[in-house]
Amino acid sequence: MTLTRFSALILTGALLGLSMTGCDQGRDTPDTSQRSSGTNQIYGGSLPCDNCDGVDTELALNFSTDSAGGVYNLTETPRGGPNDGQTQKRKGNWKVISGNAVPGGGTVYVLHPARGDEVHEPVYLLMENNATLQLVDEQFKPLNTSHNDELHRL
């Protein structure tokens, strides 16, 4: 009889442990919430344009499991100029460059055009803080422009 009670206690403890294991699922800590699988970060703003007043831009970054890259969706609408109001949507893959490769040890998001897109070049965005991405050149230096060159987290 003691063995049966002991077995029942072990079984009860195991079931209780299994039920508690699932209690914290779906919760992210503040540091990991923006990097979890399937999480999107959305940024918006107006970026410089050679032949218009600016390009209204919305960028959605979809983080993959390892948070070193993922898929992006970019929506751009020029204001003024020959393509005024003509919205373009494109997507591709993005990756993170950080550490010694970036001056000051910052983080740069590199947006690579989708395979087969011969028109667009990669876009480089320096993370200034958790809420702002600044458009930079391929050496990660700020652009020489009087126009706003930042996207802000929405």
N, C-alpha and C. Protein backbone atom coordinates (compact mmCIF):
# COMPACT_ATOMS: atom_id res chain seq x y z
N MET A 1 0.82 -1.18 0.00
CA MET A 1 0.00 0.00 0.00
C MET A 1 0.87 1.25 0.00
N THR A 2 2.00 1.25 0.70
CA THR A 2 2.89 2.39 0.74
C THR A 2 3.44 2.67 -0.65
N LEU A 3 3.74 1.64 -1.40
CA LEU A 3 4.24 1.81 -2.75
C LEU A 3 3.20 2.47 -3.64
N THR A 4 1.95 2.13 -3.45
CA THR A 4 0.87 2.71 -4.25
C THR A 4 0.72 4.19 -3.92
N ARG A 5 0.75 4.55 -2.63
CA ARG A 5 0.66 5.96 -2.25
C ARG A 5 1.86 6.74 -2.80
N PHE A 6 3.03 6.12 -2.69
CA PHE A 6 4.24 6.76 -3.19
C PHE A 6 4.14 6.99 -4.70
N SER A 7 3.67 5.98 -5.42
CA SER A 7 3.49 6.11 -6.87
C SER A 7 2.47 7.18 -7.20
N ALA A 8 1.41 7.27 -6.40
CA ALA A 8 0.39 8.30 -6.64
C ALA A 8 0.98 9.69 -6.40
N LEU A 9 1.81 9.84 -5.38
CA LEU A 9 2.45 11.13 -5.11
C LEU A 9 3.38 11.52 -6.26
N ILE A 10 4.15 10.57 -6.77
CA ILE A 10 5.05 10.86 -7.88
C ILE A 10 4.25 11.25 -9.12
N LEU A 11 3.18 10.50 -9.39
CA LEU A 11 2.35 10.79 -10.55
C LEU A 11 1.70 12.17 -10.42
N THR A 12 1.21 12.51 -9.22
CA THR A 12 0.60 13.82 -8.99
C THR A 12 1.63 14.93 -9.18
N GLY A 13 2.83 14.72 -8.65
CA GLY A 13 3.89 15.72 -8.81
C GLY A 13 4.28 15.91 -10.26
N ALA A 14 4.36 14.81 -11.00
CA ALA A 14 4.72 14.90 -12.41
C ALA A 14 3.65 15.64 -13.20
N LEU A 15 2.38 15.34 -12.93
CA LEU A 15 1.29 16.03 -13.62
C LEU A 15 1.27 17.51 -13.28
N LEU A 16 1.50 17.83 -12.01
CA LEU A 16 1.53 19.23 -11.60
C LEU A 16 2.68 19.96 -12.30
N GLY A 17 3.84 19.31 -12.38
CA GLY A 17 4.98 19.91 -13.06
C GLY A 17 4.71 20.14 -14.54
N LEU A 18 4.06 19.17 -15.18
CA LEU A 18 3.73 19.33 -16.60
C LEU A 18 2.72 20.44 -16.82
N SER A 19 1.76 20.56 -15.93
CA SER A 19 0.76 21.62 -16.11
C SER A 19 1.37 23.00 -15.87
N MET A 20 2.34 23.11 -15.00
CA MET A 20 2.98 24.40 -14.73
C MET A 20 3.92 24.80 -15.86
N THR A 21 4.45 23.84 -16.59
CA THR A 21 5.38 24.13 -17.67
C THR A 21 4.76 25.03 -18.72
N GLY A 22 3.51 24.84 -19.03
CA GLY A 22 2.85 25.63 -20.06
C GLY A 22 2.32 26.97 -19.59
N CYS A 23 2.39 27.28 -18.30
CA CYS A 23 1.80 28.52 -17.78
C CYS A 23 2.46 29.78 -18.33
N ASP A 24 3.75 29.77 -18.55
CA ASP A 24 4.44 30.99 -18.95
C ASP A 24 4.58 31.11 -20.47
N GLN A 25 4.04 30.19 -21.21
CA GLN A 25 4.19 30.25 -22.66
C GLN A 25 3.42 31.42 -23.21
N GLY A 26 3.99 32.04 -24.24
CA GLY A 26 3.33 33.17 -24.86
C GLY A 26 3.71 34.50 -24.26
N ARG A 27 4.40 34.50 -23.14
CA ARG A 27 4.86 35.74 -22.54
C ARG A 27 6.29 35.98 -22.94
N ASP A 28 6.58 37.20 -23.31
CA ASP A 28 7.95 37.57 -23.65
C ASP A 28 8.44 38.60 -22.66
N THR A 29 9.70 38.51 -22.34
CA THR A 29 10.27 39.55 -21.50
C THR A 29 10.47 40.78 -22.37
N PRO A 30 10.62 41.96 -21.79
CA PRO A 30 10.81 43.16 -22.61
C PRO A 30 11.98 43.05 -23.58
N ASP A 31 13.06 42.38 -23.18
CA ASP A 31 14.23 42.28 -24.05
C ASP A 31 14.01 41.33 -25.21
N THR A 32 13.17 40.31 -25.04
CA THR A 32 13.01 39.33 -26.11
C THR A 32 11.75 39.53 -26.91
N SER A 33 10.82 40.34 -26.46
CA SER A 33 9.54 40.45 -27.15
C SER A 33 9.70 40.94 -28.58
N GLN A 34 10.62 41.87 -28.83
CA GLN A 34 10.76 42.38 -30.18
C GLN A 34 11.59 41.46 -31.06
N ARG A 35 12.15 40.42 -30.52
CA ARG A 35 12.98 39.54 -31.31
C ARG A 35 12.41 38.15 -31.44
N SER A 36 11.22 37.91 -30.91
CA SER A 36 10.69 36.57 -31.00
C SER A 36 10.21 36.25 -32.39
N SER A 37 10.14 34.99 -32.66
CA SER A 37 9.74 34.52 -33.98
C SER A 37 8.39 35.07 -34.38
N GLY A 38 8.31 35.56 -35.59
CA GLY A 38 7.05 36.06 -36.12
C GLY A 38 6.70 37.46 -35.67
N THR A 39 7.55 38.10 -34.89
CA THR A 39 7.25 39.43 -34.40
C THR A 39 7.60 40.47 -35.46
N ASN A 40 6.73 41.44 -35.63
CA ASN A 40 6.98 42.54 -36.56
C ASN A 40 7.33 43.80 -35.81
N GLN A 41 8.22 44.58 -36.39
CA GLN A 41 8.46 45.95 -35.95
C GLN A 41 8.13 46.82 -37.14
N ILE A 42 7.34 47.88 -36.93
CA ILE A 42 6.93 48.74 -38.02
C ILE A 42 7.48 50.14 -37.79
N TYR A 43 8.09 50.69 -38.83
CA TYR A 43 8.67 52.03 -38.79
C TYR A 43 8.06 52.85 -39.91
N GLY A 44 7.95 54.16 -39.69
CA GLY A 44 7.41 55.03 -40.72
C GLY A 44 8.07 56.39 -40.70
N GLY A 45 7.96 57.09 -41.82
CA GLY A 45 8.51 58.43 -41.93
C GLY A 45 8.65 58.82 -43.38
N SER A 46 9.35 59.91 -43.61
CA SER A 46 9.59 60.39 -44.97
C SER A 46 11.09 60.37 -45.22
N LEU A 47 11.49 59.76 -46.33
CA LEU A 47 12.90 59.67 -46.68
C LEU A 47 13.21 60.54 -47.89
N PRO A 48 14.50 60.90 -48.09
CA PRO A 48 14.87 61.78 -49.20
C PRO A 48 14.63 61.13 -50.56
N CYS A 49 14.48 62.01 -51.56
CA CYS A 49 14.21 61.58 -52.93
C CYS A 49 14.94 62.54 -53.87
N ASP A 50 15.55 62.01 -54.94
CA ASP A 50 16.29 62.84 -55.90
C ASP A 50 15.37 63.73 -56.72
N ASN A 51 14.21 63.23 -57.11
CA ASN A 51 13.35 63.99 -58.02
C ASN A 51 11.94 64.22 -57.46
N CYS A 52 11.84 64.32 -56.13
CA CYS A 52 10.54 64.62 -55.51
C CYS A 52 10.78 65.29 -54.16
N ASP A 53 9.68 65.65 -53.48
CA ASP A 53 9.79 66.34 -52.19
C ASP A 53 10.14 65.40 -51.05
N GLY A 54 9.94 64.12 -51.22
CA GLY A 54 10.20 63.12 -50.20
C GLY A 54 9.40 61.87 -50.49
N VAL A 55 9.77 60.79 -49.84
CA VAL A 55 9.07 59.52 -50.03
C VAL A 55 8.48 59.09 -48.69
N ASP A 56 7.15 59.08 -48.60
CA ASP A 56 6.49 58.55 -47.41
C ASP A 56 6.75 57.06 -47.37
N THR A 57 7.32 56.60 -46.27
CA THR A 57 7.82 55.23 -46.20
C THR A 57 7.27 54.51 -44.98
N GLU A 58 6.88 53.26 -45.18
CA GLU A 58 6.52 52.38 -44.06
C GLU A 58 7.29 51.08 -44.24
N LEU A 59 7.99 50.67 -43.20
CA LEU A 59 8.82 49.48 -43.22
C LEU A 59 8.36 48.53 -42.12
N ALA A 60 8.06 47.29 -42.49
CA ALA A 60 7.72 46.25 -41.52
C ALA A 60 8.83 45.21 -41.55
N LEU A 61 9.50 45.04 -40.41
CA LEU A 61 10.54 44.02 -40.26
C LEU A 61 9.94 42.83 -39.54
N ASN A 62 10.00 41.67 -40.15
CA ASN A 62 9.52 40.45 -39.53
C ASN A 62 10.74 39.69 -39.03
N PHE A 63 10.84 39.54 -37.72
CA PHE A 63 12.00 38.88 -37.12
C PHE A 63 11.88 37.38 -37.24
N SER A 64 12.96 36.72 -37.64
CA SER A 64 13.01 35.26 -37.67
C SER A 64 13.37 34.77 -36.28
N THR A 65 13.48 33.48 -36.12
CA THR A 65 13.75 32.89 -34.82
C THR A 65 15.05 33.37 -34.20
N ASP A 66 16.10 33.53 -35.00
CA ASP A 66 17.40 33.89 -34.44
C ASP A 66 17.62 35.39 -34.31
N SER A 67 16.69 36.20 -34.76
CA SER A 67 16.70 37.66 -34.67
C SER A 67 17.86 38.31 -35.43
N ALA A 68 18.58 37.55 -36.24
CA ALA A 68 19.66 38.13 -37.03
C ALA A 68 19.19 38.51 -38.43
N GLY A 69 17.92 38.34 -38.68
CA GLY A 69 17.38 38.67 -39.99
C GLY A 69 15.96 38.19 -40.13
N GLY A 70 15.43 38.40 -41.32
CA GLY A 70 14.07 37.98 -41.59
C GLY A 70 13.61 38.57 -42.91
N VAL A 71 12.30 38.74 -43.02
CA VAL A 71 11.68 39.27 -44.23
C VAL A 71 11.19 40.68 -43.93
N TYR A 72 11.27 41.57 -44.92
CA TYR A 72 10.72 42.91 -44.74
C TYR A 72 9.69 43.20 -45.82
N ASN A 73 8.78 44.11 -45.50
CA ASN A 73 7.82 44.67 -46.46
C ASN A 73 8.00 46.18 -46.42
N LEU A 74 8.21 46.78 -47.58
CA LEU A 74 8.48 48.21 -47.68
C LEU A 74 7.44 48.84 -48.59
N THR A 75 6.78 49.88 -48.09
CA THR A 75 5.80 50.63 -48.87
C THR A 75 6.31 52.05 -49.02
N GLU A 76 6.42 52.53 -50.27
CA GLU A 76 6.96 53.86 -50.54
C GLU A 76 6.00 54.63 -51.44
N THR A 77 5.70 55.88 -51.04
CA THR A 77 4.83 56.75 -51.83
C THR A 77 5.51 58.10 -52.01
N PRO A 78 5.98 58.41 -53.23
CA PRO A 78 6.63 59.70 -53.48
C PRO A 78 5.63 60.86 -53.36
N ARG A 79 6.12 61.99 -52.84
CA ARG A 79 5.33 63.24 -52.80
C ARG A 79 5.98 64.22 -53.77
N GLY A 80 5.19 64.71 -54.71
CA GLY A 80 5.73 65.62 -55.72
C GLY A 80 6.51 64.85 -56.76
N GLY A 81 6.93 65.53 -57.80
CA GLY A 81 7.72 64.88 -58.85
C GLY A 81 6.88 64.03 -59.78
N PRO A 82 7.54 63.35 -60.71
CA PRO A 82 6.83 62.60 -61.75
C PRO A 82 6.03 61.41 -61.25
N ASN A 83 6.36 60.85 -60.11
CA ASN A 83 5.66 59.68 -59.59
C ASN A 83 4.80 60.00 -58.37
N ASP A 84 4.38 61.25 -58.25
CA ASP A 84 3.61 61.72 -57.09
C ASP A 84 2.42 60.80 -56.81
N GLY A 85 2.38 60.29 -55.57
CA GLY A 85 1.25 59.48 -55.12
C GLY A 85 1.22 58.05 -55.62
N GLN A 86 2.19 57.62 -56.40
CA GLN A 86 2.20 56.25 -56.92
C GLN A 86 2.93 55.34 -55.93
N THR A 87 2.15 54.59 -55.17
CA THR A 87 2.70 53.73 -54.13
C THR A 87 3.36 52.50 -54.74
N GLN A 88 4.55 52.20 -54.24
CA GLN A 88 5.28 50.98 -54.61
C GLN A 88 5.41 50.12 -53.37
N LYS A 89 5.16 48.83 -53.52
CA LYS A 89 5.38 47.89 -52.43
C LYS A 89 6.42 46.89 -52.89
N ARG A 90 7.34 46.61 -51.99
CA ARG A 90 8.34 45.59 -52.30
C ARG A 90 8.72 44.87 -51.03
N LYS A 91 9.31 43.72 -51.21
CA LYS A 91 9.76 42.95 -50.06
C LYS A 91 11.06 42.26 -50.39
N GLY A 92 11.67 41.74 -49.37
CA GLY A 92 12.94 41.05 -49.53
C GLY A 92 13.38 40.53 -48.18
N ASN A 93 14.64 40.21 -48.08
CA ASN A 93 15.22 39.73 -46.83
C ASN A 93 16.10 40.81 -46.22
N TRP A 94 16.16 40.81 -44.91
CA TRP A 94 17.04 41.75 -44.22
C TRP A 94 17.93 40.98 -43.27
N LYS A 95 19.06 41.58 -42.93
CA LYS A 95 19.96 40.99 -41.95
C LYS A 95 20.54 42.09 -41.08
N VAL A 96 21.11 41.69 -39.97
CA VAL A 96 21.71 42.61 -39.01
C VAL A 96 23.22 42.56 -39.14
N ILE A 97 23.83 43.73 -39.14
CA ILE A 97 25.28 43.85 -39.04
C ILE A 97 25.53 44.65 -37.77
N SER A 98 26.38 44.13 -36.88
CA SER A 98 26.63 44.84 -35.63
C SER A 98 28.04 44.56 -35.14
N GLY A 99 28.38 45.20 -34.04
CA GLY A 99 29.69 45.00 -33.44
C GLY A 99 30.76 45.84 -34.11
N ASN A 100 31.95 45.27 -34.26
CA ASN A 100 33.10 46.00 -34.80
C ASN A 100 32.91 46.42 -36.26
N ALA A 101 32.02 45.76 -36.99
CA ALA A 101 31.80 46.11 -38.40
C ALA A 101 31.11 47.46 -38.56
N VAL A 102 30.48 47.93 -37.49
CA VAL A 102 29.74 49.20 -37.53
C VAL A 102 30.46 50.22 -36.67
N PRO A 103 30.76 51.42 -37.20
CA PRO A 103 31.41 52.45 -36.39
C PRO A 103 30.63 52.72 -35.10
N GLY A 104 31.34 52.74 -34.00
CA GLY A 104 30.71 52.97 -32.71
C GLY A 104 30.02 51.74 -32.15
N GLY A 105 30.18 50.59 -32.82
CA GLY A 105 29.59 49.36 -32.31
C GLY A 105 28.08 49.31 -32.41
N GLY A 106 27.51 50.06 -33.33
CA GLY A 106 26.06 50.11 -33.48
C GLY A 106 25.49 48.90 -34.19
N THR A 107 24.24 49.04 -34.59
CA THR A 107 23.51 47.99 -35.30
C THR A 107 22.94 48.57 -36.59
N VAL A 108 23.18 47.88 -37.70
CA VAL A 108 22.65 48.29 -39.00
C VAL A 108 21.77 47.18 -39.55
N TYR A 109 20.60 47.57 -40.02
CA TYR A 109 19.71 46.64 -40.73
C TYR A 109 19.96 46.84 -42.22
N VAL A 110 20.27 45.76 -42.92
CA VAL A 110 20.50 45.82 -44.37
C VAL A 110 19.31 45.16 -45.05
N LEU A 111 18.59 45.95 -45.87
CA LEU A 111 17.43 45.44 -46.60
C LEU A 111 17.90 45.02 -47.99
N HIS A 112 17.86 43.74 -48.26
CA HIS A 112 18.26 43.22 -49.57
C HIS A 112 17.02 43.06 -50.44
N PRO A 113 17.07 43.55 -51.69
CA PRO A 113 15.92 43.38 -52.58
C PRO A 113 15.62 41.89 -52.80
N ALA A 114 14.38 41.60 -53.15
CA ALA A 114 13.98 40.22 -53.44
C ALA A 114 14.79 39.68 -54.62
N ARG A 115 14.96 38.40 -54.65
CA ARG A 115 15.67 37.76 -55.75
C ARG A 115 15.01 38.13 -57.07
N GLY A 116 15.81 38.51 -58.03
CA GLY A 116 15.29 38.91 -59.34
C GLY A 116 15.04 40.40 -59.46
N ASP A 117 15.08 41.13 -58.35
CA ASP A 117 14.88 42.59 -58.38
C ASP A 117 16.20 43.24 -58.77
N GLU A 118 16.31 43.61 -60.03
CA GLU A 118 17.54 44.23 -60.53
C GLU A 118 17.51 45.75 -60.43
N VAL A 119 16.37 46.31 -60.05
CA VAL A 119 16.18 47.76 -60.02
C VAL A 119 16.69 48.38 -58.73
N HIS A 120 16.44 47.74 -57.61
CA HIS A 120 16.74 48.33 -56.30
C HIS A 120 18.06 47.84 -55.74
N GLU A 121 18.74 48.74 -55.05
CA GLU A 121 19.98 48.44 -54.34
C GLU A 121 19.64 48.12 -52.89
N PRO A 122 20.56 47.49 -52.14
CA PRO A 122 20.31 47.31 -50.71
C PRO A 122 20.14 48.66 -50.01
N VAL A 123 19.36 48.67 -48.96
CA VAL A 123 19.12 49.86 -48.14
C VAL A 123 19.76 49.61 -46.78
N TYR A 124 20.46 50.61 -46.24
CA TYR A 124 21.15 50.49 -44.96
C TYR A 124 20.51 51.43 -43.95
N LEU A 125 20.10 50.88 -42.80
CA LEU A 125 19.43 51.66 -41.76
C LEU A 125 20.14 51.44 -40.44
N LEU A 126 20.69 52.51 -39.88
CA LEU A 126 21.39 52.46 -38.60
C LEU A 126 20.38 52.64 -37.47
N MET A 127 20.38 51.72 -36.51
CA MET A 127 19.49 51.85 -35.36
C MET A 127 20.10 52.87 -34.41
N GLU A 128 19.43 54.02 -34.27
CA GLU A 128 19.91 55.07 -33.36
C GLU A 128 19.49 54.78 -31.93
N ASN A 129 18.32 54.26 -31.76
CA ASN A 129 17.81 53.82 -30.47
C ASN A 129 16.73 52.79 -30.79
N ASN A 130 16.03 52.31 -29.82
CA ASN A 130 15.03 51.28 -30.08
C ASN A 130 13.85 51.78 -30.89
N ALA A 131 13.77 53.08 -31.15
CA ALA A 131 12.60 53.63 -31.83
C ALA A 131 12.92 54.36 -33.13
N THR A 132 14.21 54.46 -33.51
CA THR A 132 14.58 55.26 -34.68
C THR A 132 15.61 54.53 -35.54
N LEU A 133 15.35 54.50 -36.86
CA LEU A 133 16.30 53.98 -37.83
C LEU A 133 16.71 55.13 -38.74
N GLN A 134 18.02 55.31 -38.94
CA GLN A 134 18.53 56.39 -39.79
C GLN A 134 19.09 55.79 -41.08
N LEU A 135 18.69 56.36 -42.21
CA LEU A 135 19.20 55.95 -43.51
C LEU A 135 20.68 56.32 -43.60
N VAL A 136 21.54 55.35 -43.93
CA VAL A 136 22.98 55.57 -44.04
C VAL A 136 23.47 54.96 -45.36
N ASP A 137 24.73 55.28 -45.71
CA ASP A 137 25.30 54.71 -46.94
C ASP A 137 25.90 53.34 -46.65
N GLU A 138 26.52 52.74 -47.67
CA GLU A 138 27.04 51.37 -47.52
C GLU A 138 28.24 51.28 -46.58
N GLN A 139 28.85 52.43 -46.22
CA GLN A 139 29.90 52.44 -45.19
C GLN A 139 29.31 52.79 -43.82
N PHE A 140 27.98 52.82 -43.74
CA PHE A 140 27.23 53.11 -42.51
C PHE A 140 27.42 54.53 -42.02
N LYS A 141 27.71 55.44 -42.94
CA LYS A 141 27.85 56.87 -42.62
C LYS A 141 26.55 57.58 -42.96
N PRO A 142 26.18 58.62 -42.17
CA PRO A 142 24.96 59.38 -42.46
C PRO A 142 25.00 60.00 -43.85
N LEU A 143 23.84 60.13 -44.47
CA LEU A 143 23.75 60.75 -45.79
C LEU A 143 23.92 62.26 -45.66
N ASN A 144 24.46 62.87 -46.70
CA ASN A 144 24.61 64.32 -46.73
C ASN A 144 23.36 64.91 -47.37
N THR A 145 22.33 65.11 -46.56
CA THR A 145 21.06 65.62 -47.06
C THR A 145 20.44 66.56 -46.04
N SER A 146 19.68 67.52 -46.55
CA SER A 146 18.97 68.42 -45.64
C SER A 146 17.58 67.86 -45.32
N HIS A 147 17.19 66.81 -46.02
CA HIS A 147 15.89 66.19 -45.82
C HIS A 147 15.95 65.20 -44.65
N ASN A 148 14.83 64.98 -44.02
CA ASN A 148 14.74 63.98 -42.96
C ASN A 148 15.20 62.63 -43.50
N ASP A 149 15.98 61.92 -42.74
CA ASP A 149 16.46 60.62 -43.17
C ASP A 149 16.22 59.54 -42.12
N GLU A 150 15.15 59.72 -41.32
CA GLU A 150 14.86 58.79 -40.24
C GLU A 150 13.47 58.18 -40.38
N LEU A 151 13.39 56.93 -39.92
CA LEU A 151 12.11 56.25 -39.77
C LEU A 151 11.91 56.02 -38.28
N HIS A 152 10.69 56.25 -37.82
CA HIS A 152 10.39 56.10 -36.39
C HIS A 152 9.44 54.93 -36.17
N ARG A 153 9.67 54.22 -35.08
CA ARG A 153 8.83 53.06 -34.77
C ARG A 153 7.40 53.51 -34.52
N LEU A 154 6.47 52.83 -35.16
CA LEU A 154 5.05 53.16 -35.01
C LEU A 154 4.41 52.30 -33.94
